[in-house]
Amino acid sequence: MSADDRDAVLHRDFMRGRSWGARRVSGALWGAVEC
């Protein structure tokens, strides 16, 4: 899975709003990518 695919999946899951926990994990991953 390429980085773009991974980001697309994270974004899709975030927008879908599966759960607060999933959004929190996505946020942590995005933060790690930005750092």
PDB file of N, CA and C in Angstrom:
ATOM      1  N   MET A   1       0.854  -1.198   0.000  1.00  0.00           N
ATOM      2  CA  MET A   1       0.000   0.000   0.000  1.00  0.00           C
ATOM      3  C   MET A   1       0.889   1.248   0.000  1.00  0.00           C
ATOM      4  N   SER A   2       0.648   2.109  -0.948  1.00  0.00           N
ATOM      5  CA  SER A   2       1.459   3.327  -1.025  1.00  0.00           C
ATOM      6  C   SER A   2       1.018   4.326   0.034  1.00  0.00           C
ATOM      7  N   ALA A   3       1.838   5.329   0.261  1.00  0.00           N
ATOM      8  CA  ALA A   3       1.516   6.357   1.260  1.00  0.00           C
ATOM      9  C   ALA A   3       0.222   7.068   0.871  1.00  0.00           C
ATOM     10  N   ASP A   4       0.047   7.315  -0.426  1.00  0.00           N
ATOM     11  CA  ASP A   4      -1.168   8.005  -0.878  1.00  0.00           C
ATOM     12  C   ASP A   4      -2.406   7.160  -0.583  1.00  0.00           C
ATOM     13  N   ASP A   5      -2.291   5.856  -0.814  1.00  0.00           N
ATOM     14  CA  ASP A   5      -3.430   4.969  -0.549  1.00  0.00           C
ATOM     15  C   ASP A   5      -3.749   4.972   0.935  1.00  0.00           C
ATOM     16  N   ARG A   6      -2.697   4.899   1.755  1.00  0.00           N
ATOM     17  CA  ARG A   6      -2.893   4.882   3.204  1.00  0.00           C
ATOM     18  C   ARG A   6      -3.584   6.172   3.662  1.00  0.00           C
ATOM     19  N   ASP A   7      -3.114   7.299   3.151  1.00  0.00           N
ATOM     20  CA  ASP A   7      -3.706   8.581   3.525  1.00  0.00           C
ATOM     21  C   ASP A   7      -5.166   8.645   3.087  1.00  0.00           C
ATOM     22  N   ALA A   8      -5.451   8.111   1.917  1.00  0.00           N
ATOM     23  CA  ALA A   8      -6.828   8.138   1.411  1.00  0.00           C
ATOM     24  C   ALA A   8      -7.730   7.317   2.330  1.00  0.00           C
ATOM     25  N   VAL A   9      -7.226   6.166   2.777  1.00  0.00           N
ATOM     26  CA  VAL A   9      -8.008   5.307   3.669  1.00  0.00           C
ATOM     27  C   VAL A   9      -8.227   6.006   5.008  1.00  0.00           C
ATOM     28  N   LEU A  10      -7.176   6.612   5.530  1.00  0.00           N
ATOM     29  CA  LEU A  10      -7.305   7.322   6.807  1.00  0.00           C
ATOM     30  C   LEU A  10      -8.324   8.442   6.692  1.00  0.00           C
ATOM     31  N   HIS A  11      -8.253   9.186   5.588  1.00  0.00           N
ATOM     32  CA  HIS A  11      -9.172  10.307   5.390  1.00  0.00           C
ATOM     33  C   HIS A  11     -10.598   9.805   5.273  1.00  0.00           C
ATOM     34  N   ARG A  12     -10.790   8.719   4.524  1.00  0.00           N
ATOM     35  CA  ARG A  12     -12.134   8.156   4.334  1.00  0.00           C
ATOM     36  C   ARG A  12     -12.710   7.701   5.676  1.00  0.00           C
ATOM     37  N   ASP A  13     -11.884   6.992   6.452  1.00  0.00           N
ATOM     38  CA  ASP A  13     -12.349   6.500   7.744  1.00  0.00           C
ATOM     39  C   ASP A  13     -12.656   7.662   8.677  1.00  0.00           C
ATOM     40  N   PHE A  14     -11.824   8.709   8.607  1.00  0.00           N
ATOM     41  CA  PHE A  14     -12.045   9.883   9.451  1.00  0.00           C
ATOM     42  C   PHE A  14     -13.372  10.549   9.098  1.00  0.00           C
ATOM     43  N   MET A  15     -13.618  10.727   7.801  1.00  0.00           N
ATOM     44  CA  MET A  15     -14.837  11.389   7.354  1.00  0.00           C
ATOM     45  C   MET A  15     -16.059  10.534   7.680  1.00  0.00           C
ATOM     46  N   ARG A  16     -15.889   9.226   7.636  1.00  0.00           N
ATOM     47  CA  ARG A  16     -17.005   8.329   7.935  1.00  0.00           C
ATOM     48  C   ARG A  16     -17.356   8.418   9.417  1.00  0.00           C
ATOM     49  N   GLY A  17     -16.346   8.727  10.229  1.00  0.00           N
ATOM     50  CA  GLY A  17     -16.596   8.884  11.659  1.00  0.00           C
ATOM     51  C   GLY A  17     -16.998   7.580  12.319  1.00  0.00           C
ATOM     52  N   ARG A  18     -16.232   6.518  12.072  1.00  0.00           N
ATOM     53  CA  ARG A  18     -16.550   5.215  12.674  1.00  0.00           C
ATOM     54  C   ARG A  18     -16.738   5.342  14.181  1.00  0.00           C
ATOM     55  N   SER A  19     -15.768   5.964  14.815  1.00  0.00           N
ATOM     56  CA  SER A  19     -15.816   6.110  16.263  1.00  0.00           C
ATOM     57  C   SER A  19     -14.836   7.179  16.695  1.00  0.00           C
ATOM     58  N   TRP A  20     -15.023   7.670  17.908  1.00  0.00           N
ATOM     59  CA  TRP A  20     -14.127   8.705  18.418  1.00  0.00           C
ATOM     60  C   TRP A  20     -12.711   8.145  18.491  1.00  0.00           C
ATOM     61  N   GLY A  21     -12.588   6.887  18.887  1.00  0.00           N
ATOM     62  CA  GLY A  21     -11.275   6.253  18.995  1.00  0.00           C
ATOM     63  C   GLY A  21     -10.569   6.205  17.643  1.00  0.00           C
ATOM     64  N   ALA A  22     -11.294   5.856  16.593  1.00  0.00           N
ATOM     65  CA  ALA A  22     -10.683   5.768  15.264  1.00  0.00           C
ATOM     66  C   ALA A  22     -10.192   7.141  14.822  1.00  0.00           C
ATOM     67  N   ARG A  23     -10.988   8.175  15.104  1.00  0.00           N
ATOM     68  CA  ARG A  23     -10.574   9.525  14.718  1.00  0.00           C
ATOM     69  C   ARG A  23      -9.347   9.940  15.524  1.00  0.00           C
ATOM     70  N   ARG A  24      -9.288   9.523  16.772  1.00  0.00           N
ATOM     71  CA  ARG A  24      -8.151   9.881  17.618  1.00  0.00           C
ATOM     72  C   ARG A  24      -6.886   9.223  17.080  1.00  0.00           C
ATOM     73  N   VAL A  25      -6.997   7.955  16.689  1.00  0.00           N
ATOM     74  CA  VAL A  25      -5.844   7.236  16.142  1.00  0.00           C
ATOM     75  C   VAL A  25      -5.410   7.882  14.834  1.00  0.00           C
ATOM     76  N   SER A  26      -6.379   8.229  13.983  1.00  0.00           N
ATOM     77  CA  SER A  26      -6.046   8.865  12.711  1.00  0.00           C
ATOM     78  C   SER A  26      -5.321  10.178  12.972  1.00  0.00           C
ATOM     79  N   GLY A  27      -5.790  10.930  13.955  1.00  0.00           N
ATOM     80  CA  GLY A  27      -5.167  12.202  14.283  1.00  0.00           C
ATOM     81  C   GLY A  27      -3.724  11.994  14.733  1.00  0.00           C
ATOM     82  N   ALA A  28      -3.499  10.936  15.519  1.00  0.00           N
ATOM     83  CA  ALA A  28      -2.138  10.648  15.999  1.00  0.00           C
ATOM     84  C   ALA A  28      -1.239  10.284  14.823  1.00  0.00           C
ATOM     85  N   LEU A  29      -1.772   9.514  13.877  1.00  0.00           N
ATOM     86  CA  LEU A  29      -0.984   9.120  12.704  1.00  0.00           C
ATOM     87  C   LEU A  29      -0.661  10.345  11.860  1.00  0.00           C
ATOM     88  N   TRP A  30      -1.654  11.231  11.683  1.00  0.00           N
ATOM     89  CA  TRP A  30      -1.420  12.438  10.891  1.00  0.00           C
ATOM     90  C   TRP A  30      -0.352  13.279  11.567  1.00  0.00           C
ATOM     91  N   GLY A  31      -0.403  13.358  12.914  1.00  0.00           N
ATOM     92  CA  GLY A  31       0.573  14.140  13.652  1.00  0.00           C
ATOM     93  C   GLY A  31       1.976  13.583  13.460  1.00  0.00           C
ATOM     94  N   ALA A  32       2.076  12.237  13.456  1.00  0.00           N
ATOM     95  CA  ALA A  32       3.384  11.599  13.290  1.00  0.00           C
ATOM     96  C   ALA A  32       3.930  11.898  11.891  1.00  0.00           C
ATOM     97  N   VAL A  33       3.043  11.923  10.909  1.00  0.00           N
ATOM     98  CA  VAL A  33       3.469  12.185   9.524  1.00  0.00           C
ATOM     99  C   VAL A  33       3.983  13.611   9.400  1.00  0.00           C
ATOM    100  N   GLU A  34       3.313  14.544  10.078  1.00  0.00           N
ATOM    101  CA  GLU A  34       3.689  15.952   9.976  1.00  0.00           C
ATOM    102  C   GLU A  34       5.004  16.251  10.682  1.00  0.00           C
ATOM    103  N   CYS A  35       5.313  15.494  11.733  1.00  0.00           N
ATOM    104  CA  CYS A  35       6.510  15.774  12.529  1.00  0.00           C
ATOM    105  C   CYS A  35       7.788  15.343  11.808  1.00  0.00           C
TER     106      CYS A  35
END
